[in-house]
Amino acid sequence: MRHFVIGDIHGCLKSLKNLVKYLEAQGLGPRDTIITLGDYIDRGPDTKGVIDYLIDLKKKYRVICLKGNHEELMEYARESKQDLEFWIENGGQVTLDSFGVDNVKKISGKYWDFIISCFQYHETSHHIFVHAGLKSNVPLNRQHPNILFWQRLRDSKAHMSGKTVICGHSPQDSGVPINLGHTIGIDTYAFADLWLTCLDPVSGEFWQANEFGDRQKGNISELKVPLPPLSQPSGQ
């Protein structure tokens, strides 16, 4: 059984479908596990389609969906005008457009059920999967959601568990994953006409697809590079 980990999708349905087809060509089967790292919504063109596709994908494969900071922003957007405005500033408007509504509370309960069902993290014998990161000296079950959903990759350190952390959230404008040894980041700016990435954390192989139908692959062992400067919006 293998694990295939997909980074931040951000409404890029074409990239997601293209990537899953790519994985199926690599032998993806019903005994394998797909882990998605959150941020299914906002910025990209088809949030509704992405969630519909993931719901259907769960009927065919074992899929573990984690929650990202954008799902958290969307949940908070129902609570106050200030939270709603902050969400809108960080890509929420295209999500509303995708659902064809003018009010976040009008989004169907099916989609809220999906978001609520998302996990904060997933752990295996050698890896921890999380949207943003971990505080290095805190056990996994005591991590604060602010860290899990919002920590930047540049602030990551080796976790006390000794396990490798696989995360998204900090987009790489190079379009390739980043390997820090103790942490691997696979948000590769899918919504900005770059790549949606899937990683096999055991073999180190990764596969990428984009909105234009292109595909490419590589190996994470070849990508240990210095962490680039932070250069993305505050709500990314």
Foldseek 3Di string as FASTA:
>chain_A
DFEKEWEAQAQLLLFVVLVVVVVVVVPDAQVYEYEYAANLHFLAQASPNSLVVVVVVVVGHHYAYAYALLLVLLVCLVPDVVSVVVSVVGGVVSRCVNQVHDGSVPRDPVVVVSNVRHHQWDDDPAEIEAAAAFDAEDDPVPTDSCRRHPHHPVPYDAHPVNHAYEYEDQEDCVLQWEPQPSYIYQRHPQSVFGWIKMARVVQQKMKTGHSVSDIDIDGNVVHHDDDDDRDDDNSD
